[in-house]
């Protein structure tokens, strides 16, 4: 029973899981931002290229 109590209250691996979740959220935000900027930049460059010709 004492082993189960120690296992339940052990917080050693919890930090790694929290960092993994934070990293996943940050990566989703960065990838979404790059995708949005990339699409808008492509549109702007296409408009500029067509107006030059």
PDB file of N, CA and C in Angstrom:
ATOM      1  N   UNK A   1       0.819  -1.188   0.000  1.00  0.00           N
ATOM      2  CA  UNK A   1       0.000   0.000   0.000  1.00  0.00           C
ATOM      3  C   UNK A   1       0.873   1.266   0.000  1.00  0.00           C
ATOM      4  N   UNK A   2       1.982   1.215   0.699  1.00  0.00           N
ATOM      5  CA  UNK A   2       2.876   2.368   0.759  1.00  0.00           C
ATOM      6  C   UNK A   2       3.494   2.635  -0.616  1.00  0.00           C
ATOM      7  N   UNK A   3       3.733   1.576  -1.367  1.00  0.00           N
ATOM      8  CA  UNK A   3       4.273   1.735  -2.721  1.00  0.00           C
ATOM      9  C   UNK A   3       3.276   2.482  -3.608  1.00  0.00           C
ATOM     10  N   UNK A   4       2.004   2.163  -3.510  1.00  0.00           N
ATOM     11  CA  UNK A   4       0.984   2.854  -4.286  1.00  0.00           C
ATOM     12  C   UNK A   4       0.872   4.320  -3.874  1.00  0.00           C
ATOM     13  N   UNK A   5       1.011   4.604  -2.594  1.00  0.00           N
ATOM     14  CA  UNK A   5       0.957   5.976  -2.105  1.00  0.00           C
ATOM     15  C   UNK A   5       2.118   6.788  -2.678  1.00  0.00           C
ATOM     16  N   UNK A   6       3.319   6.211  -2.684  1.00  0.00           N
ATOM     17  CA  UNK A   6       4.478   6.908  -3.241  1.00  0.00           C
ATOM     18  C   UNK A   6       4.317   7.119  -4.739  1.00  0.00           C
ATOM     19  N   UNK A   7       3.785   6.122  -5.426  1.00  0.00           N
ATOM     20  CA  UNK A   7       3.581   6.213  -6.871  1.00  0.00           C
ATOM     21  C   UNK A   7       2.557   7.298  -7.201  1.00  0.00           C
ATOM     22  N   UNK A   8       1.508   7.409  -6.409  1.00  0.00           N
ATOM     23  CA  UNK A   8       0.452   8.392  -6.648  1.00  0.00           C
ATOM     24  C   UNK A   8       0.945   9.815  -6.416  1.00  0.00           C
ATOM     25  N   UNK A   9       1.790  10.018  -5.421  1.00  0.00           N
ATOM     26  CA  UNK A   9       2.247  11.345  -5.048  1.00  0.00           C
ATOM     27  C   UNK A   9       3.617  11.707  -5.621  1.00  0.00           C
ATOM     28  N   UNK A  10       4.150  10.892  -6.488  1.00  0.00           N
ATOM     29  CA  UNK A  10       5.452  11.172  -7.098  1.00  0.00           C
ATOM     30  C   UNK A  10       5.266  12.148  -8.247  1.00  0.00           C
ATOM     31  N   UNK A  11       5.927  13.291  -8.196  1.00  0.00           N
ATOM     32  CA  UNK A  11       5.793  14.337  -9.219  1.00  0.00           C
ATOM     33  C   UNK A  11       7.012  14.418 -10.124  1.00  0.00           C
ATOM     34  N   UNK A  12       7.860  13.441 -10.097  1.00  0.00           N
ATOM     35  CA  UNK A  12       9.132  13.514 -10.816  1.00  0.00           C
ATOM     36  C   UNK A  12       8.946  13.592 -12.326  1.00  0.00           C
ATOM     37  N   UNK A  13       8.071  12.782 -12.897  1.00  0.00           N
ATOM     38  CA  UNK A  13       7.881  12.770 -14.344  1.00  0.00           C
ATOM     39  C   UNK A  13       6.897  13.804 -14.835  1.00  0.00           C
ATOM     40  N   UNK A  14       6.253  14.500 -13.933  1.00  0.00           N
ATOM     41  CA  UNK A  14       5.237  15.457 -14.319  1.00  0.00           C
ATOM     42  C   UNK A  14       5.838  16.651 -15.051  1.00  0.00           C
ATOM     43  N   UNK A  15       7.004  17.088 -14.685  1.00  0.00           N
ATOM     44  CA  UNK A  15       7.631  18.240 -15.333  1.00  0.00           C
ATOM     45  C   UNK A  15       7.895  17.971 -16.810  1.00  0.00           C
ATOM     46  N   UNK A  16       8.327  16.772 -17.125  1.00  0.00           N
ATOM     47  CA  UNK A  16       8.623  16.418 -18.516  1.00  0.00           C
ATOM     48  C   UNK A  16       7.353  16.470 -19.348  1.00  0.00           C
ATOM     49  N   UNK A  17       6.262  15.981 -18.809  1.00  0.00           N
ATOM     50  CA  UNK A  17       4.989  16.005 -19.540  1.00  0.00           C
ATOM     51  C   UNK A  17       4.519  17.443 -19.760  1.00  0.00           C
ATOM     52  N   UNK A  18       4.689  18.293 -18.761  1.00  0.00           N
ATOM     53  CA  UNK A  18       4.279  19.687 -18.909  1.00  0.00           C
ATOM     54  C   UNK A  18       5.118  20.391 -19.979  1.00  0.00           C
ATOM     55  N   UNK A  19       6.406  20.139 -19.999  1.00  0.00           N
ATOM     56  CA  UNK A  19       7.267  20.732 -21.021  1.00  0.00           C
ATOM     57  C   UNK A  19       6.896  20.220 -22.412  1.00  0.00           C
ATOM     58  N   UNK A  20       6.546  18.959 -22.510  1.00  0.00           N
ATOM     59  CA  UNK A  20       6.153  18.396 -23.803  1.00  0.00           C
ATOM     60  C   UNK A  20       4.869  19.048 -24.309  1.00  0.00           C
ATOM     61  N   UNK A  21       3.920  19.275 -23.422  1.00  0.00           N
ATOM     62  CA  UNK A  21       2.667  19.925 -23.824  1.00  0.00           C
ATOM     63  C   UNK A  21       2.932  21.366 -24.245  1.00  0.00           C
ATOM     64  N   UNK A  22       3.755  22.078 -23.483  1.00  0.00           N
ATOM     65  CA  UNK A  22       4.083  23.459 -23.850  1.00  0.00           C
ATOM     66  C   UNK A  22       4.791  23.514 -25.200  1.00  0.00           C
ATOM     67  N   UNK A  23       5.712  22.595 -25.441  1.00  0.00           N
ATOM     68  CA  UNK A  23       6.422  22.558 -26.716  1.00  0.00           C
ATOM     69  C   UNK A  23       5.463  22.284 -27.861  1.00  0.00           C
ATOM     70  N   UNK A  24       4.519  21.380 -27.659  1.00  0.00           N
ATOM     71  CA  UNK A  24       3.545  21.071 -28.705  1.00  0.00           C
ATOM     72  C   UNK A  24       2.675  22.286 -29.023  1.00  0.00           C
ATOM     73  N   UNK A  25       2.243  23.005 -28.005  1.00  0.00           N
ATOM     74  CA  UNK A  25       1.421  24.199 -28.225  1.00  0.00           C
ATOM     75  C   UNK A  25       2.219  25.268 -28.965  1.00  0.00           C
ATOM     76  N   UNK A  26       3.452  25.482 -28.559  1.00  0.00           N
ATOM     77  CA  UNK A  26       4.296  26.478 -29.223  1.00  0.00           C
ATOM     78  C   UNK A  26       4.532  26.100 -30.681  1.00  0.00           C
ATOM     79  N   UNK A  27       4.774  24.832 -30.951  1.00  0.00           N
ATOM     80  CA  UNK A  27       4.997  24.395 -32.332  1.00  0.00           C
ATOM     81  C   UNK A  27       3.759  24.596 -33.192  1.00  0.00           C
ATOM     82  N   UNK A  28       2.588  24.326 -32.639  1.00  0.00           N
ATOM     83  CA  UNK A  28       1.344  24.531 -33.398  1.00  0.00           C
ATOM     84  C   UNK A  28       1.167  26.010 -33.724  1.00  0.00           C
ATOM     85  N   UNK A  29       1.456  26.880 -32.766  1.00  0.00           N
ATOM     86  CA  UNK A  29       1.329  28.317 -32.998  1.00  0.00           C
ATOM     87  C   UNK A  29       2.327  28.788 -34.049  1.00  0.00           C
ATOM     88  N   UNK A  30       3.567  28.332 -33.959  1.00  0.00           N
ATOM     89  CA  UNK A  30       4.602  28.750 -34.914  1.00  0.00           C
ATOM     90  C   UNK A  30       4.280  28.251 -36.318  1.00  0.00           C
ATOM     91  N   UNK A  31       3.894  27.003 -36.434  1.00  0.00           N
ATOM     92  CA  UNK A  31       3.583  26.456 -37.764  1.00  0.00           C
ATOM     93  C   UNK A  31       2.378  27.175 -38.361  1.00  0.00           C
ATOM     94  N   UNK A  32       1.361  27.440 -37.550  1.00  0.00           N
ATOM     95  CA  UNK A  32       0.191  28.166 -38.049  1.00  0.00           C
ATOM     96  C   UNK A  32       0.537  29.565 -38.503  1.00  0.00           C
ATOM     97  N   UNK A  33       1.374  30.246 -37.743  1.00  0.00           N
ATOM     98  CA  UNK A  33       1.783  31.604 -38.104  1.00  0.00           C
ATOM     99  C   UNK A  33       2.595  31.612 -39.395  1.00  0.00           C
ATOM    100  N   UNK A  34       3.524  30.691 -39.512  1.00  0.00           N
ATOM    101  CA  UNK A  34       4.343  30.618 -40.733  1.00  0.00           C
ATOM    102  C   UNK A  34       3.476  30.296 -41.948  1.00  0.00           C
ATOM    103  N   UNK A  35       2.514  29.423 -41.759  1.00  0.00           N
ATOM    104  CA  UNK A  35       1.632  29.077 -42.874  1.00  0.00           C
ATOM    105  C   UNK A  35       0.795  30.281 -43.293  1.00  0.00           C
ATOM    106  N   UNK A  36       0.295  31.031 -42.320  1.00  0.00           N
ATOM    107  CA  UNK A  36      -0.504  32.216 -42.625  1.00  0.00           C
ATOM    108  C   UNK A  36       0.335  33.287 -43.297  1.00  0.00           C
ATOM    109  N   UNK A  37       1.508  33.549 -42.775  1.00  0.00           N
ATOM    110  CA  UNK A  37       2.394  34.553 -43.366  1.00  0.00           C
ATOM    111  C   UNK A  37       2.847  34.121 -44.754  1.00  0.00           C
ATOM    112  N   UNK A  38       3.139  32.842 -44.911  1.00  0.00           N
ATOM    113  CA  UNK A  38       3.574  32.344 -46.213  1.00  0.00           C
ATOM    114  C   UNK A  38       2.511  32.510 -47.278  1.00  0.00           C
ATOM    115  N   UNK A  39       1.261  32.248 -46.926  1.00  0.00           N
ATOM    116  CA  UNK A  39       0.165  32.403 -47.886  1.00  0.00           C
ATOM    117  C   UNK A  39      -0.019  33.871 -48.250  1.00  0.00           C
ATOM    118  N   UNK A  40       0.001  34.736 -47.244  1.00  0.00           N
ATOM    119  CA  UNK A  40      -0.162  36.177 -47.520  1.00  0.00           C
ATOM    120  C   UNK A  40       1.017  36.729 -48.308  1.00  0.00           C
ATOM    121  N   UNK A  41       2.220  36.298 -47.983  1.00  0.00           N
ATOM    122  CA  UNK A  41       3.395  36.773 -48.706  1.00  0.00           C
ATOM    123  C   UNK A  41       3.357  36.320 -50.159  1.00  0.00           C
ATOM    124  N   UNK A  42       2.921  35.115 -50.407  1.00  0.00           N
ATOM    125  CA  UNK A  42       2.814  34.612 -51.774  1.00  0.00           C
ATOM    126  C   UNK A  42       1.814  35.446 -52.571  1.00  0.00           C
ATOM    127  N   UNK A  43       0.715  35.805 -51.960  1.00  0.00           N
ATOM    128  CA  UNK A  43      -0.282  36.642 -52.630  1.00  0.00           C
ATOM    129  C   UNK A  43       0.281  38.016 -52.952  1.00  0.00           C
ATOM    130  N   UNK A  44       0.982  38.605 -52.005  1.00  0.00           N
ATOM    131  CA  UNK A  44       1.567  39.932 -52.228  1.00  0.00           C
ATOM    132  C   UNK A  44       2.593  39.889 -53.347  1.00  0.00           C
ATOM    133  N   UNK A  45       3.477  38.905 -53.315  1.00  0.00           N
ATOM    134  CA  UNK A  45       4.490  38.809 -54.367  1.00  0.00           C
ATOM    135  C   UNK A  45       3.865  38.541 -55.727  1.00  0.00           C
ATOM    136  N   UNK A  46       2.815  37.765 -55.783  1.00  0.00           N
ATOM    137  CA  UNK A  46       2.128  37.513 -57.060  1.00  0.00           C
ATOM    138  C   UNK A  46       1.501  38.775 -57.592  1.00  0.00           C
ATOM    139  N   UNK A  47       0.891  39.574 -56.703  1.00  0.00           N
ATOM    140  CA  UNK A  47       0.282  40.834 -57.133  1.00  0.00           C
ATOM    141  C   UNK A  47       1.351  41.808 -57.642  1.00  0.00           C
ATOM    142  N   UNK A  48       2.444  41.898 -56.963  1.00  0.00           N
ATOM    143  CA  UNK A  48       3.525  42.785 -57.387  1.00  0.00           C
ATOM    144  C   UNK A  48       4.100  42.333 -58.725  1.00  0.00           C
ATOM    145  N   UNK A  49       4.305  41.038 -58.880  1.00  0.00           N
ATOM    146  CA  UNK A  49       4.878  40.516 -60.126  1.00  0.00           C
ATOM    147  C   UNK A  49       3.922  40.760 -61.287  1.00  0.00           C
ATOM    148  N   UNK A  50       2.625  40.607 -61.077  1.00  0.00           N
ATOM    149  CA  UNK A  50       1.687  40.829 -62.176  1.00  0.00           C
ATOM    150  C   UNK A  50       1.542  42.311 -62.511  1.00  0.00           C
ATOM    151  N   UNK A  51       1.723  43.193 -61.515  1.00  0.00           N
ATOM    152  CA  UNK A  51       1.614  44.623 -61.810  1.00  0.00           C
ATOM    153  C   UNK A  51       2.857  45.149 -62.503  1.00  0.00           C
ATOM    154  N   UNK A  52       3.998  44.496 -62.320  1.00  0.00           N
ATOM    155  CA  UNK A  52       5.236  44.935 -62.964  1.00  0.00           C
ATOM    156  C   UNK A  52       5.201  44.598 -64.451  1.00  0.00           C
ATOM    157  N   UNK A  53       4.639  43.461 -64.785  1.00  0.00           N
ATOM    158  CA  UNK A  53       4.627  43.047 -66.191  1.00  0.00           C
ATOM    159  C   UNK A  53       3.586  43.808 -66.886  1.00  0.00           C
TER     160      UNK A  53
END
